Amino acid sequence: SSGFYSRPPPRGHDEILLQQALTELIDKFKNRLTEDGMMLMLSDSFTGDVLRNIFGSQTPDVDVSPPSAVELFYMTDEQMRLASEMELQPITGFYAECVSLEKDAAKIHDNCIHSASVESTRARLLHLPASVVRDSSTGRRCRGI
């Protein structure tokens, strides 16, 4: 899902300027937002209300909602590089591999406690670093992972 972070200015909002800026932002990234079908928003309530009103009129198919704690993810470019270069040796009898959206998304979704849809879980797995540990003899994903 796409993300949006906004911090209100110290002296408050200029509502007209805010609406213009958010409309321009949405126009610029509309294709990405409609591909995801969901946008997570971290902002003050006023900005959130303005953004929801704009989205309601311009992209009614995109769900704009505040993120939960498990939906926030941030790494710097350096952290991502280091994580991708890191090598961990699996325990004998197991191996790690990237999550398969076809094989794993529904099972991972069923193991999570949240109200999001399977499609939302699938989108998160697509956009966030994700891996699974599998049993070497069966290739099945280990439970609880």
N, C-alpha and C. Protein backbone atom coordinates (compact mmCIF):
# COMPACT_ATOMS: atom_id res chain seq x y z
N SER A 1 0.84 -1.18 0.00
CA SER A 1 0.00 0.00 0.00
C SER A 1 0.88 1.24 0.00
N SER A 2 0.34 2.28 -0.48
CA SER A 2 1.07 3.54 -0.53
C SER A 2 0.98 4.22 0.83
N GLY A 3 1.92 5.10 1.11
CA GLY A 3 1.93 5.77 2.40
C GLY A 3 1.96 7.28 2.26
N PHE A 4 1.47 7.95 3.28
CA PHE A 4 1.44 9.41 3.30
C PHE A 4 1.71 9.85 4.72
N TYR A 5 2.66 10.76 4.91
CA TYR A 5 2.95 11.30 6.24
C TYR A 5 2.89 12.80 6.17
N SER A 6 2.19 13.40 7.09
CA SER A 6 2.08 14.86 7.12
C SER A 6 2.13 15.35 8.55
N ARG A 7 2.89 16.41 8.76
CA ARG A 7 2.94 17.05 10.07
C ARG A 7 2.38 18.46 9.89
N PRO A 8 1.43 18.88 10.72
CA PRO A 8 0.84 20.22 10.53
C PRO A 8 1.86 21.32 10.82
N PRO A 9 1.74 22.45 10.12
CA PRO A 9 2.64 23.57 10.39
C PRO A 9 2.39 24.15 11.78
N PRO A 10 3.39 24.80 12.37
CA PRO A 10 3.27 25.31 13.74
C PRO A 10 2.11 26.28 13.94
N ARG A 11 1.79 27.08 12.91
CA ARG A 11 0.72 28.08 13.08
C ARG A 11 -0.61 27.60 12.53
N GLY A 12 -0.73 26.32 12.25
CA GLY A 12 -1.99 25.80 11.73
C GLY A 12 -2.01 25.76 10.22
N HIS A 13 -3.08 25.20 9.68
CA HIS A 13 -3.20 25.01 8.23
C HIS A 13 -3.83 26.20 7.53
N ASP A 14 -3.41 26.40 6.30
CA ASP A 14 -4.14 27.24 5.36
C ASP A 14 -4.95 26.24 4.55
N GLU A 15 -6.26 26.15 4.81
CA GLU A 15 -7.08 25.08 4.24
C GLU A 15 -7.05 25.05 2.72
N ILE A 16 -7.12 26.19 2.08
CA ILE A 16 -7.12 26.24 0.62
C ILE A 16 -5.79 25.75 0.07
N LEU A 17 -4.69 26.23 0.65
CA LEU A 17 -3.36 25.80 0.22
C LEU A 17 -3.17 24.29 0.45
N LEU A 18 -3.66 23.79 1.59
CA LEU A 18 -3.55 22.36 1.88
C LEU A 18 -4.33 21.54 0.86
N GLN A 19 -5.55 21.96 0.54
CA GLN A 19 -6.35 21.23 -0.45
C GLN A 19 -5.66 21.22 -1.82
N GLN A 20 -5.11 22.35 -2.21
CA GLN A 20 -4.41 22.43 -3.49
C GLN A 20 -3.19 21.51 -3.51
N ALA A 21 -2.42 21.54 -2.43
CA ALA A 21 -1.20 20.72 -2.37
C ALA A 21 -1.54 19.23 -2.37
N LEU A 22 -2.56 18.83 -1.60
CA LEU A 22 -2.93 17.42 -1.56
C LEU A 22 -3.52 16.96 -2.89
N THR A 23 -4.30 17.82 -3.54
CA THR A 23 -4.85 17.48 -4.85
C THR A 23 -3.73 17.26 -5.85
N GLU A 24 -2.72 18.14 -5.82
CA GLU A 24 -1.56 18.00 -6.71
C GLU A 24 -0.80 16.71 -6.42
N LEU A 25 -0.62 16.40 -5.13
CA LEU A 25 0.07 15.18 -4.73
C LEU A 25 -0.69 13.95 -5.24
N ILE A 26 -1.99 13.94 -5.06
CA ILE A 26 -2.80 12.80 -5.50
C ILE A 26 -2.75 12.65 -7.02
N ASP A 27 -2.86 13.77 -7.75
CA ASP A 27 -2.79 13.71 -9.21
C ASP A 27 -1.47 13.11 -9.67
N LYS A 28 -0.39 13.49 -9.00
CA LYS A 28 0.94 13.02 -9.41
C LYS A 28 1.10 11.52 -9.19
N PHE A 29 0.53 11.00 -8.11
CA PHE A 29 0.72 9.59 -7.75
C PHE A 29 -0.54 8.75 -7.91
N LYS A 30 -1.54 9.26 -8.63
CA LYS A 30 -2.83 8.58 -8.73
C LYS A 30 -2.69 7.16 -9.28
N ASN A 31 -1.86 6.97 -10.31
CA ASN A 31 -1.73 5.62 -10.88
C ASN A 31 -1.18 4.63 -9.87
N ARG A 32 -0.22 5.06 -9.06
CA ARG A 32 0.34 4.16 -8.04
C ARG A 32 -0.69 3.85 -6.96
N LEU A 33 -1.44 4.86 -6.56
CA LEU A 33 -2.43 4.67 -5.50
C LEU A 33 -3.54 3.74 -5.96
N THR A 34 -4.02 3.90 -7.18
CA THR A 34 -5.11 3.04 -7.65
C THR A 34 -4.63 1.62 -7.92
N GLU A 35 -3.34 1.43 -8.23
CA GLU A 35 -2.80 0.08 -8.37
C GLU A 35 -2.81 -0.64 -7.02
N ASP A 36 -2.40 0.06 -5.96
CA ASP A 36 -2.37 -0.54 -4.63
C ASP A 36 -3.77 -0.78 -4.08
N GLY A 37 -4.68 0.14 -4.35
CA GLY A 37 -6.04 0.03 -3.83
C GLY A 37 -6.17 0.43 -2.38
N MET A 38 -5.06 0.84 -1.76
CA MET A 38 -5.11 1.21 -0.36
C MET A 38 -4.02 2.24 -0.08
N MET A 39 -4.31 3.19 0.79
CA MET A 39 -3.31 4.18 1.17
C MET A 39 -3.32 4.30 2.68
N LEU A 40 -2.18 4.17 3.29
CA LEU A 40 -2.06 4.34 4.73
C LEU A 40 -1.64 5.77 5.01
N MET A 41 -2.24 6.36 6.02
CA MET A 41 -2.03 7.77 6.25
C MET A 41 -1.61 8.01 7.70
N LEU A 42 -0.56 8.77 7.87
CA LEU A 42 -0.09 9.15 9.20
C LEU A 42 -0.06 10.67 9.22
N SER A 43 -1.06 11.28 9.83
CA SER A 43 -1.15 12.74 9.82
C SER A 43 -2.04 13.20 10.97
N ASP A 44 -2.14 14.51 11.11
CA ASP A 44 -3.08 15.05 12.08
C ASP A 44 -4.50 14.84 11.55
N SER A 45 -5.50 14.96 12.41
CA SER A 45 -6.87 14.65 12.00
C SER A 45 -7.39 15.60 10.94
N PHE A 46 -7.02 16.88 11.00
CA PHE A 46 -7.51 17.84 10.00
C PHE A 46 -7.01 17.47 8.61
N THR A 47 -5.70 17.20 8.49
CA THR A 47 -5.14 16.81 7.20
C THR A 47 -5.78 15.52 6.72
N GLY A 48 -5.99 14.59 7.64
CA GLY A 48 -6.64 13.33 7.29
C GLY A 48 -8.03 13.54 6.74
N ASP A 49 -8.80 14.41 7.37
CA ASP A 49 -10.16 14.70 6.89
C ASP A 49 -10.13 15.32 5.50
N VAL A 50 -9.23 16.28 5.29
CA VAL A 50 -9.13 16.93 3.97
C VAL A 50 -8.72 15.89 2.92
N LEU A 51 -7.76 15.06 3.25
CA LEU A 51 -7.29 14.04 2.31
C LEU A 51 -8.41 13.05 1.97
N ARG A 52 -9.16 12.60 2.97
CA ARG A 52 -10.27 11.68 2.72
C ARG A 52 -11.33 12.31 1.83
N ASN A 53 -11.62 13.60 2.03
CA ASN A 53 -12.59 14.29 1.18
C ASN A 53 -12.11 14.36 -0.27
N ILE A 54 -10.83 14.66 -0.46
CA ILE A 54 -10.28 14.73 -1.82
C ILE A 54 -10.33 13.34 -2.46
N PHE A 55 -9.89 12.33 -1.71
CA PHE A 55 -9.92 10.97 -2.25
C PHE A 55 -11.33 10.52 -2.57
N GLY A 56 -12.28 10.87 -1.70
CA GLY A 56 -13.67 10.47 -1.94
C GLY A 56 -14.19 10.97 -3.27
N SER A 57 -13.74 12.15 -3.68
CA SER A 57 -14.23 12.71 -4.94
C SER A 57 -13.37 12.29 -6.14
N GLN A 58 -12.07 12.07 -5.94
CA GLN A 58 -11.18 11.77 -7.07
C GLN A 58 -10.90 10.29 -7.28
N THR A 59 -10.72 9.55 -6.21
CA THR A 59 -10.38 8.12 -6.32
C THR A 59 -11.20 7.32 -5.31
N PRO A 60 -12.50 7.16 -5.56
CA PRO A 60 -13.37 6.49 -4.58
C PRO A 60 -13.02 5.02 -4.36
N ASP A 61 -12.27 4.40 -5.27
CA ASP A 61 -11.93 2.98 -5.12
C ASP A 61 -10.75 2.75 -4.18
N VAL A 62 -10.05 3.81 -3.79
CA VAL A 62 -8.89 3.67 -2.91
C VAL A 62 -9.34 3.85 -1.47
N ASP A 63 -8.98 2.88 -0.63
CA ASP A 63 -9.32 2.93 0.79
C ASP A 63 -8.25 3.75 1.52
N VAL A 64 -8.66 4.87 2.11
CA VAL A 64 -7.72 5.70 2.86
C VAL A 64 -8.00 5.48 4.34
N SER A 65 -7.03 4.92 5.03
CA SER A 65 -7.25 4.64 6.45
C SER A 65 -5.97 4.89 7.23
N PRO A 66 -6.10 5.17 8.52
CA PRO A 66 -4.89 5.36 9.33
C PRO A 66 -4.19 4.02 9.50
N PRO A 67 -2.86 4.02 9.56
CA PRO A 67 -2.14 2.75 9.69
C PRO A 67 -2.22 2.20 11.10
N SER A 68 -2.16 0.89 11.20
CA SER A 68 -2.01 0.27 12.51
C SER A 68 -0.51 0.11 12.75
N ALA A 69 -0.15 -0.28 13.95
CA ALA A 69 1.27 -0.41 14.28
C ALA A 69 1.98 -1.40 13.38
N VAL A 70 1.29 -2.45 12.93
CA VAL A 70 1.96 -3.46 12.11
C VAL A 70 2.08 -3.02 10.66
N GLU A 71 1.44 -1.93 10.27
CA GLU A 71 1.50 -1.49 8.89
C GLU A 71 2.59 -0.46 8.63
N LEU A 72 3.20 0.06 9.68
CA LEU A 72 4.27 1.04 9.51
C LEU A 72 5.60 0.33 9.31
N PHE A 73 6.33 0.73 8.28
CA PHE A 73 7.62 0.12 7.99
C PHE A 73 8.52 1.21 7.44
N TYR A 74 9.73 1.29 7.97
CA TYR A 74 10.66 2.28 7.44
C TYR A 74 12.08 1.76 7.60
N MET A 75 12.84 1.83 6.53
CA MET A 75 14.27 1.54 6.58
C MET A 75 14.96 2.55 5.68
N THR A 76 16.14 2.98 6.10
CA THR A 76 16.93 3.84 5.23
C THR A 76 17.52 2.98 4.10
N ASP A 77 18.02 3.63 3.06
CA ASP A 77 18.66 2.89 1.96
C ASP A 77 19.83 2.06 2.47
N GLU A 78 20.60 2.61 3.40
CA GLU A 78 21.74 1.89 3.96
C GLU A 78 21.28 0.66 4.74
N GLN A 79 20.21 0.80 5.54
CA GLN A 79 19.69 -0.35 6.28
C GLN A 79 19.18 -1.44 5.33
N MET A 80 18.51 -1.04 4.26
CA MET A 80 18.03 -2.02 3.28
C MET A 80 19.20 -2.74 2.62
N ARG A 81 20.25 -2.00 2.28
CA ARG A 81 21.42 -2.61 1.66
C ARG A 81 22.05 -3.62 2.61
N LEU A 82 22.24 -3.23 3.87
CA LEU A 82 22.85 -4.13 4.85
C LEU A 82 21.99 -5.37 5.07
N ALA A 83 20.68 -5.19 5.14
CA ALA A 83 19.78 -6.33 5.34
C ALA A 83 19.85 -7.29 4.16
N SER A 84 19.93 -6.74 2.95
CA SER A 84 19.98 -7.61 1.77
C SER A 84 21.31 -8.36 1.67
N GLU A 85 22.37 -7.82 2.25
CA GLU A 85 23.69 -8.47 2.20
C GLU A 85 23.89 -9.46 3.35
N MET A 86 23.03 -9.41 4.35
CA MET A 86 23.18 -10.26 5.52
C MET A 86 22.90 -11.72 5.16
N GLU A 87 23.72 -12.61 5.67
CA GLU A 87 23.51 -14.04 5.43
C GLU A 87 23.36 -14.74 6.76
N LEU A 88 22.24 -15.42 6.93
CA LEU A 88 21.99 -16.21 8.13
C LEU A 88 21.90 -17.67 7.71
N GLN A 89 22.61 -18.52 8.39
CA GLN A 89 22.56 -19.95 8.07
C GLN A 89 21.35 -20.57 8.76
N PRO A 90 20.49 -21.25 7.99
CA PRO A 90 19.31 -21.88 8.61
C PRO A 90 19.71 -23.12 9.42
N ILE A 91 18.82 -23.51 10.31
CA ILE A 91 19.01 -24.73 11.09
C ILE A 91 18.97 -25.92 10.14
N THR A 92 19.76 -26.94 10.41
CA THR A 92 19.78 -28.13 9.56
C THR A 92 18.36 -28.68 9.40
N GLY A 93 18.01 -28.97 8.15
CA GLY A 93 16.68 -29.51 7.87
C GLY A 93 15.68 -28.45 7.43
N PHE A 94 16.12 -27.20 7.40
CA PHE A 94 15.24 -26.11 7.01
C PHE A 94 15.97 -25.20 6.02
N TYR A 95 15.21 -24.41 5.28
CA TYR A 95 15.81 -23.41 4.40
C TYR A 95 14.90 -22.20 4.34
N ALA A 96 15.48 -21.07 4.01
CA ALA A 96 14.71 -19.82 3.91
C ALA A 96 14.58 -19.45 2.45
N GLU A 97 13.44 -18.87 2.10
CA GLU A 97 13.25 -18.36 0.75
C GLU A 97 12.25 -17.22 0.80
N CYS A 98 12.14 -16.51 -0.31
CA CYS A 98 11.19 -15.41 -0.40
C CYS A 98 9.77 -15.96 -0.30
N VAL A 99 8.89 -15.14 0.20
CA VAL A 99 7.48 -15.51 0.28
C VAL A 99 6.92 -15.65 -1.13
N SER A 100 6.16 -16.71 -1.34
CA SER A 100 5.43 -16.90 -2.59
C SER A 100 4.01 -16.40 -2.36
N LEU A 101 3.62 -15.37 -3.11
CA LEU A 101 2.27 -14.82 -2.92
C LEU A 101 1.21 -15.88 -3.19
N GLU A 102 1.45 -16.76 -4.15
CA GLU A 102 0.47 -17.79 -4.48
C GLU A 102 0.38 -18.86 -3.38
N LYS A 103 1.54 -19.32 -2.89
CA LYS A 103 1.56 -20.41 -1.92
C LYS A 103 1.34 -19.95 -0.48
N ASP A 104 1.85 -18.77 -0.14
CA ASP A 104 1.96 -18.40 1.27
C ASP A 104 1.00 -17.33 1.77
N ALA A 105 0.51 -16.46 0.91
CA ALA A 105 -0.25 -15.29 1.38
C ALA A 105 -1.45 -15.67 2.24
N ALA A 106 -2.26 -16.61 1.78
CA ALA A 106 -3.46 -16.99 2.53
C ALA A 106 -3.10 -17.61 3.87
N LYS A 107 -2.06 -18.46 3.89
CA LYS A 107 -1.65 -19.11 5.14
C LYS A 107 -1.09 -18.09 6.13
N ILE A 108 -0.27 -17.18 5.64
CA ILE A 108 0.27 -16.13 6.51
C ILE A 108 -0.86 -15.27 7.05
N HIS A 109 -1.80 -14.92 6.18
CA HIS A 109 -2.96 -14.12 6.60
C HIS A 109 -3.74 -14.83 7.71
N ASP A 110 -3.95 -16.13 7.56
CA ASP A 110 -4.71 -16.89 8.56
C ASP A 110 -4.00 -16.96 9.91
N ASN A 111 -2.66 -16.83 9.92
CA ASN A 111 -1.90 -16.87 11.17
C ASN A 111 -1.86 -15.52 11.88
N CYS A 112 -2.29 -14.45 11.19
CA CYS A 112 -2.22 -13.11 11.77
C CYS A 112 -3.53 -12.75 12.45
N ILE A 113 -3.43 -11.92 13.46
CA ILE A 113 -4.62 -11.43 14.15
C ILE A 113 -4.82 -9.98 13.75
N HIS A 114 -5.71 -9.75 12.79
CA HIS A 114 -6.03 -8.40 12.34
C HIS A 114 -7.31 -8.47 11.52
N SER A 115 -7.85 -7.32 11.19
CA SER A 115 -9.12 -7.28 10.46
C SER A 115 -8.92 -7.01 8.97
N ALA A 116 -7.69 -6.97 8.51
CA ALA A 116 -7.42 -6.69 7.09
C ALA A 116 -7.82 -7.88 6.23
N SER A 117 -8.01 -7.63 4.96
CA SER A 117 -8.38 -8.68 4.02
C SER A 117 -7.15 -9.45 3.56
N VAL A 118 -7.37 -10.60 2.93
CA VAL A 118 -6.27 -11.38 2.35
C VAL A 118 -5.56 -10.54 1.29
N GLU A 119 -6.32 -9.75 0.53
CA GLU A 119 -5.72 -8.90 -0.50
C GLU A 119 -4.78 -7.87 0.13
N SER A 120 -5.17 -7.35 1.29
CA SER A 120 -4.32 -6.39 2.00
C SER A 120 -3.02 -7.06 2.46
N THR A 121 -3.15 -8.27 3.00
CA THR A 121 -1.96 -9.02 3.42
C THR A 121 -1.06 -9.29 2.22
N ARG A 122 -1.66 -9.68 1.10
CA ARG A 122 -0.91 -9.95 -0.13
C ARG A 122 -0.15 -8.69 -0.58
N ALA A 123 -0.81 -7.53 -0.50
CA ALA A 123 -0.16 -6.26 -0.89
C ALA A 123 1.01 -5.94 0.03
N ARG A 124 0.85 -6.19 1.32
CA ARG A 124 1.95 -5.94 2.26
C ARG A 124 3.14 -6.85 1.95
N LEU A 125 2.84 -8.12 1.70
CA LEU A 125 3.93 -9.06 1.38
C LEU A 125 4.64 -8.67 0.09
N LEU A 126 3.90 -8.10 -0.84
CA LEU A 126 4.48 -7.67 -2.11
C LEU A 126 5.41 -6.47 -1.92
N HIS A 127 5.03 -5.55 -1.00
CA HIS A 127 5.76 -4.29 -0.85
C HIS A 127 6.78 -4.28 0.29
N LEU A 128 6.74 -5.26 1.18
CA LEU A 128 7.67 -5.28 2.31
C LEU A 128 8.61 -6.47 2.20
N PRO A 129 9.80 -6.37 2.77
CA PRO A 129 10.69 -7.53 2.77
C PRO A 129 10.01 -8.68 3.51
N ALA A 130 9.94 -9.85 2.90
CA ALA A 130 9.28 -10.98 3.53
C ALA A 130 9.97 -12.27 3.11
N SER A 131 10.12 -13.17 4.06
CA SER A 131 10.69 -14.48 3.76
C SER A 131 10.01 -15.51 4.66
N VAL A 132 10.16 -16.77 4.30
CA VAL A 132 9.60 -17.85 5.10
C VAL A 132 10.67 -18.91 5.31
N VAL A 133 10.50 -19.70 6.36
CA VAL A 133 11.37 -20.84 6.62
C VAL A 133 10.58 -22.08 6.25
N ARG A 134 11.19 -22.95 5.45
CA ARG A 134 10.51 -24.15 4.98
C ARG A 134 11.26 -25.41 5.45
N ASP A 135 10.50 -26.48 5.62
CA ASP A 135 11.05 -27.79 5.95
C ASP A 135 11.72 -28.35 4.70
N SER A 136 13.00 -28.73 4.80
CA SER A 136 13.74 -29.22 3.63
C SER A 136 13.14 -30.49 3.03
N SER A 137 12.53 -31.34 3.86
CA SER A 137 12.02 -32.61 3.35
C SER A 137 10.68 -32.46 2.63
N THR A 138 9.88 -31.46 3.02
CA THR A 138 8.55 -31.31 2.41
C THR A 138 8.39 -30.01 1.61
N GLY A 139 9.22 -29.02 1.89
CA GLY A 139 9.07 -27.72 1.25
C GLY A 139 7.94 -26.89 1.83
N ARG A 140 7.31 -27.42 2.89
CA ARG A 140 6.19 -26.69 3.50
C ARG A 140 6.69 -25.61 4.43
N ARG A 141 5.94 -24.52 4.48
CA ARG A 141 6.24 -23.40 5.36
C ARG A 141 6.07 -23.87 6.80
N CYS A 142 7.00 -23.49 7.66
CA CYS A 142 6.90 -23.85 9.08
C CYS A 142 5.76 -23.06 9.72
N ARG A 143 5.01 -23.68 10.59
CA ARG A 143 3.88 -23.02 11.25
C ARG A 143 4.38 -21.87 12.12
N GLY A 144 3.56 -20.84 12.19
CA GLY A 144 3.87 -19.71 13.04
C GLY A 144 4.83 -18.72 12.41
N ILE A 145 5.20 -18.96 11.16
CA ILE A 145 6.11 -18.05 10.48
C ILE A 145 5.42 -17.50 9.26
